[in-house]
Amino acid sequence: MEDQVVQNSKLAVSINMGQQNAGLSEDDTTDDDLFLLEDEEEIAPAVKDPLYKWNKAMFAFNDRFYFLLARPITKGYAGFVHEDLRTVINNFFLNISVPIRFVNSLLQFKMKSAGTELLRFGINSTIGVAGLRDVAKTEYGLKSSDEDLGQTLGKYQLGHGAYFILPLLGPSSIRDTVGLVGDLFLYPIGYIRPRFLSLGIYTYEEMNRLSFNPDDYEILKKAAFDPYISVRDAYFQNRKQKVEQ
């Protein structure tokens, strides 16, 4: 599932990074900008895109799906459901996804983060009324980490492999796709039966998350000379930063 469910994508972060690097012409670029761009090129991760034809097709498919279906439904949902209620729903999903962040924190030997996740779960599940309120953050200053199996594999020096766009889910890589599957085994929603019910809950969770920034992707498309490359490069850069944190 991200950004992307707990994981992946987060797409909003990638989009913001894409906006910062997109749309620069030679006339608009100062000496300082060139210096910064040279630094970024030095630290930018290598992009392997041998599945280019597949990825371009999936990018086009996801693009059409987003504008024809996902975006209109999400904006309608955001207009109908108050932001406060959507925040409560988001808090609930964040709380039940604790196993993903806890286990991956342990695997990366981030004991403080693992302990914080346990504390957050205990506080929010009780005082926060089953996680509907993020009391751990607002009252105790305990912020959630952002860990997933893809990052854990990266910590152990496993490279991305090929860039890979997933239908509906968006940018990924061979490594992060394997990580996504692993994380699903730690996510309680995946054990709900029948299967179509769990998939429906996944879809609703993603729609609720997207409702806070439904126009981010459209902004990126308008700003980028080549949206496919902007999204791809932003994805790899974002994942690189997360692994290094």
Protein backbone atom coordinates (compact mmCIF):
# COMPACT_ATOMS: atom_id res chain seq x y z
CA MET A 1 0.00 0.00 0.00
CA GLU A 2 2.53 4.39 1.13
CA ASP A 3 2.57 6.54 0.14
CA GLN A 4 3.15 5.60 -0.06
CA VAL A 5 0.55 3.71 2.74
CA VAL A 6 2.84 3.86 5.74
CA GLN A 7 5.02 3.63 3.83
CA ASN A 8 6.18 4.61 0.44
CA SER A 9 5.65 7.17 -0.95
CA LYS A 10 5.58 9.72 0.89
CA LEU A 11 4.38 11.46 -2.29
CA ALA A 12 3.89 14.94 -0.84
CA VAL A 13 7.53 15.11 0.24
CA SER A 14 8.71 13.89 -3.15
CA ILE A 15 6.49 16.42 -4.89
CA ASN A 16 7.86 19.30 -2.87
CA MET A 17 11.40 18.24 -3.74
CA GLY A 18 10.43 17.91 -7.40
CA GLN A 19 9.03 21.43 -7.37
CA GLN A 20 12.27 22.82 -6.01
CA ASN A 21 14.34 21.24 -8.80
CA ALA A 22 11.91 21.61 -11.69
CA GLY A 23 11.48 24.41 -14.18
CA LEU A 24 14.94 26.07 -14.01
CA SER A 25 16.08 27.58 -17.28
CA GLU A 26 19.63 28.61 -18.08
CA ASP A 27 18.70 32.30 -17.87
CA ASP A 28 17.06 31.86 -14.47
CA THR A 29 20.00 29.98 -12.92
CA THR A 30 22.49 32.02 -10.91
CA ASP A 31 26.06 31.06 -10.06
CA ASP A 32 24.87 30.07 -6.58
CA ASP A 33 22.14 27.91 -8.10
CA LEU A 34 24.70 26.17 -10.32
CA PHE A 35 26.87 25.50 -7.29
CA LEU A 36 23.93 23.97 -5.42
CA LEU A 37 22.90 21.91 -8.42
CA GLU A 38 26.42 20.56 -8.77
CA ASP A 39 26.35 19.52 -5.11
CA GLU A 40 22.98 17.81 -5.61
CA GLU A 41 24.34 15.91 -8.62
CA GLU A 42 27.23 14.65 -6.53
CA ILE A 43 24.94 13.19 -3.86
CA ALA A 44 22.08 12.12 -6.13
CA PRO A 45 21.56 8.35 -6.14
CA ALA A 46 22.11 6.47 -9.37
CA VAL A 47 18.83 5.86 -11.20
CA LYS A 48 18.39 2.49 -12.89
CA ASP A 49 15.39 2.45 -15.19
CA PRO A 50 15.66 -0.67 -17.38
CA LEU A 51 11.88 -1.13 -17.18
CA TYR A 52 11.36 2.23 -18.87
CA LYS A 53 8.62 1.10 -21.26
CA TRP A 54 6.62 -0.57 -18.49
CA ASN A 55 7.14 2.41 -16.19
CA LYS A 56 6.07 4.94 -18.80
CA ALA A 57 2.91 2.94 -19.47
CA MET A 58 2.14 2.67 -15.75
CA PHE A 59 2.91 6.35 -15.24
CA ALA A 60 0.39 7.24 -17.95
CA PHE A 61 -2.16 4.82 -16.49
CA ASN A 62 -1.75 6.17 -12.95
CA ASP A 63 -1.88 9.74 -14.25
CA ARG A 64 -5.20 9.18 -16.00
CA PHE A 65 -6.60 7.28 -13.04
CA TYR A 66 -5.62 10.12 -10.71
CA PHE A 67 -7.18 12.92 -12.73
CA LEU A 68 -10.26 11.04 -13.94
CA LEU A 69 -11.19 9.24 -10.73
CA ALA A 70 -8.99 9.58 -7.65
CA ARG A 71 -8.68 13.37 -7.55
CA PRO A 72 -12.38 14.19 -8.12
CA ILE A 73 -13.48 11.63 -5.51
CA THR A 74 -10.86 12.79 -3.02
CA LYS A 75 -11.75 16.48 -3.43
CA GLY A 76 -15.42 15.65 -3.05
CA TYR A 77 -14.63 13.68 0.08
CA ALA A 78 -12.56 16.55 1.47
CA GLY A 79 -15.41 18.97 0.81
CA PHE A 80 -17.91 16.71 2.53
CA VAL A 81 -15.87 15.51 5.53
CA HIS A 82 -14.45 18.19 7.84
CA GLU A 83 -10.67 18.31 8.19
CA ASP A 84 -10.87 17.66 11.94
CA LEU A 85 -12.67 14.36 11.33
CA ARG A 86 -10.21 13.41 8.60
CA THR A 87 -7.38 14.11 11.03
CA VAL A 88 -8.97 11.81 13.62
CA ILE A 89 -9.22 9.06 10.99
CA ASN A 90 -5.61 9.61 9.98
CA ASN A 91 -4.57 9.34 13.64
CA PHE A 92 -6.33 5.99 13.94
CA PHE A 93 -4.51 4.50 10.95
CA LEU A 94 -1.21 5.92 12.19
CA ASN A 95 -1.75 4.24 15.54
CA ILE A 96 -2.52 0.76 14.21
CA SER A 97 0.50 0.88 11.88
CA VAL A 98 2.86 1.02 14.89
CA PRO A 99 4.13 -2.58 14.31
CA ILE A 100 5.71 -1.52 11.01
CA ARG A 101 7.64 1.35 12.53
CA PHE A 102 8.49 -0.52 15.74
CA VAL A 103 9.91 -3.63 14.04
CA ASN A 104 11.86 -1.66 11.46
CA SER A 105 13.28 0.62 14.15
CA LEU A 106 14.52 -2.47 15.98
CA LEU A 107 16.00 -3.93 12.80
CA GLN A 108 17.90 -0.68 12.28
CA PHE A 109 18.99 -0.63 15.95
CA LYS A 110 17.12 2.63 16.54
CA MET A 111 16.16 1.71 20.07
CA LYS A 112 14.99 5.19 21.02
CA SER A 113 12.60 5.29 18.07
CA ALA A 114 11.35 1.79 18.88
CA GLY A 115 10.71 2.78 22.50
CA THR A 116 8.96 5.96 21.41
CA GLU A 117 6.65 3.99 19.13
CA LEU A 118 5.67 1.69 22.02
CA LEU A 119 5.04 4.67 24.30
CA ARG A 120 2.99 6.40 21.62
CA PHE A 121 0.90 3.29 21.09
CA GLY A 122 0.22 2.88 24.80
CA ILE A 123 -0.70 6.53 25.32
CA ASN A 124 -2.78 6.98 22.18
CA SER A 125 -4.59 3.65 22.57
CA THR A 126 -5.75 4.60 26.06
CA ILE A 127 -5.81 8.33 26.70
CA GLY A 128 -6.13 8.97 22.98
CA VAL A 129 -9.24 6.77 22.73
CA ALA A 130 -8.06 3.93 20.46
CA GLY A 131 -5.68 6.25 18.66
CA LEU A 132 -8.31 8.73 17.49
CA ARG A 133 -6.30 11.51 19.14
CA ASP A 134 -2.54 11.84 18.90
CA VAL A 135 -2.13 12.73 22.58
CA ALA A 136 1.42 11.40 22.62
CA LYS A 137 2.45 14.13 20.18
CA THR A 138 0.29 17.03 21.31
CA GLU A 139 0.65 16.54 25.07
CA TYR A 140 3.95 14.71 25.50
CA GLY A 141 5.95 15.75 22.44
CA LEU A 142 6.46 12.14 21.29
CA LYS A 143 6.61 12.23 17.50
CA SER A 144 6.16 9.20 15.29
CA SER A 145 9.12 7.91 13.30
CA ASP A 146 8.93 7.11 9.60
CA GLU A 147 10.45 3.68 9.14
CA ASP A 148 9.65 0.88 6.70
CA LEU A 149 11.29 -2.31 5.46
CA GLY A 150 12.56 -0.65 2.28
CA GLN A 151 14.55 1.77 4.43
CA THR A 152 15.76 -1.10 6.62
CA LEU A 153 17.06 -2.99 3.58
CA GLY A 154 18.76 0.21 2.46
CA LYS A 155 20.43 0.53 5.87
CA TYR A 156 21.96 -2.89 5.24
CA GLN A 157 23.44 -1.58 1.99
CA LEU A 158 20.95 -3.30 -0.30
CA GLY A 159 20.57 -1.17 -3.42
CA HIS A 160 17.29 -0.16 -5.01
CA GLY A 161 17.65 -2.32 -8.07
CA ALA A 162 15.46 -1.20 -10.96
CA TYR A 163 12.98 1.65 -10.70
CA PHE A 164 9.50 0.21 -10.78
CA ILE A 165 6.14 1.98 -10.98
CA LEU A 166 3.34 0.04 -9.34
CA PRO A 167 -0.18 0.24 -10.80
CA LEU A 168 -2.23 2.70 -8.70
CA LEU A 169 0.43 2.84 -5.95
CA GLY A 170 3.00 4.79 -7.94
CA PRO A 171 6.81 5.11 -7.72
CA SER A 172 8.82 2.30 -6.15
CA SER A 173 11.85 0.10 -6.80
CA ILE A 174 12.52 -3.63 -6.62
CA ARG A 175 13.91 -3.19 -3.10
CA ASP A 176 11.07 -1.01 -1.88
CA THR A 177 8.44 -3.24 -3.47
CA VAL A 178 9.84 -6.23 -1.56
CA GLY A 179 9.85 -4.04 1.54
CA LEU A 180 6.24 -3.02 0.94
CA VAL A 181 5.16 -6.66 0.82
CA GLY A 182 7.05 -7.35 4.04
CA ASP A 183 5.46 -4.39 5.78
CA LEU A 184 2.00 -5.63 4.85
CA PHE A 185 2.56 -8.67 7.08
CA LEU A 186 3.03 -6.27 10.01
CA TYR A 187 -0.08 -4.22 9.27
CA PRO A 188 -3.24 -5.43 11.06
CA ILE A 189 -5.53 -4.35 8.22
CA GLY A 190 -4.00 -7.05 6.02
CA TYR A 191 -5.47 -9.78 8.23
CA ILE A 192 -9.07 -8.64 7.85
CA ARG A 193 -11.21 -11.06 5.90
CA PRO A 194 -12.76 -11.23 3.38
CA ARG A 195 -9.90 -9.85 1.31
CA PHE A 196 -12.00 -7.28 -0.54
CA LEU A 197 -12.83 -5.66 2.81
CA SER A 198 -9.18 -5.15 3.72
CA LEU A 199 -8.50 -3.76 0.23
CA GLY A 200 -11.41 -1.38 0.67
CA ILE A 201 -9.98 -0.15 3.97
CA TYR A 202 -6.56 0.33 2.37
CA THR A 203 -8.19 2.39 -0.38
CA TYR A 204 -10.12 4.50 2.09
CA GLU A 205 -7.01 5.12 4.18
CA GLU A 206 -5.11 6.32 1.12
CA MET A 207 -7.98 8.56 0.01
CA ASN A 208 -8.18 10.11 3.47
CA ARG A 209 -4.42 10.74 3.48
CA LEU A 210 -4.50 12.23 -0.01
CA SER A 211 -7.40 14.53 0.93
CA PHE A 212 -5.05 16.82 2.88
CA ASN A 213 -3.03 17.67 -0.26
CA PRO A 214 -5.05 16.64 -3.31
CA ASP A 215 -3.40 19.16 -5.67
CA ASP A 216 0.26 18.35 -5.02
CA TYR A 217 0.65 16.07 -8.03
CA GLU A 218 -1.04 18.57 -10.34
CA ILE A 219 1.34 21.30 -9.12
CA LEU A 220 4.31 19.07 -9.90
CA LYS A 221 3.06 18.31 -13.39
CA LYS A 222 2.66 21.98 -14.21
CA ALA A 223 6.10 22.89 -12.84
CA ALA A 224 8.09 20.02 -14.33
CA PHE A 225 9.54 19.96 -17.85
CA ASP A 226 9.18 16.16 -17.79
CA PRO A 227 6.86 14.93 -14.98
CA TYR A 228 8.00 11.32 -15.39
CA ILE A 229 11.64 12.18 -14.72
CA SER A 230 10.78 14.68 -11.99
CA VAL A 231 8.75 12.12 -10.07
CA ARG A 232 11.36 9.41 -10.59
CA ASP A 233 14.32 11.52 -9.47
CA ALA A 234 12.43 13.00 -6.53
CA TYR A 235 11.45 9.51 -5.41
CA PHE A 236 15.03 8.24 -5.35
CA GLN A 237 16.33 11.37 -3.64
CA ASN A 238 13.60 11.20 -1.01
CA ARG A 239 14.27 7.54 -0.28
CA LYS A 240 18.02 8.19 -0.10
CA GLN A 241 17.46 10.86 2.54
CA LYS A 242 15.20 8.59 4.58
CA VAL A 243 17.74 5.76 4.59
CA GLU A 244 20.48 8.15 5.72
CA GLN A 245 18.47 9.60 8.61
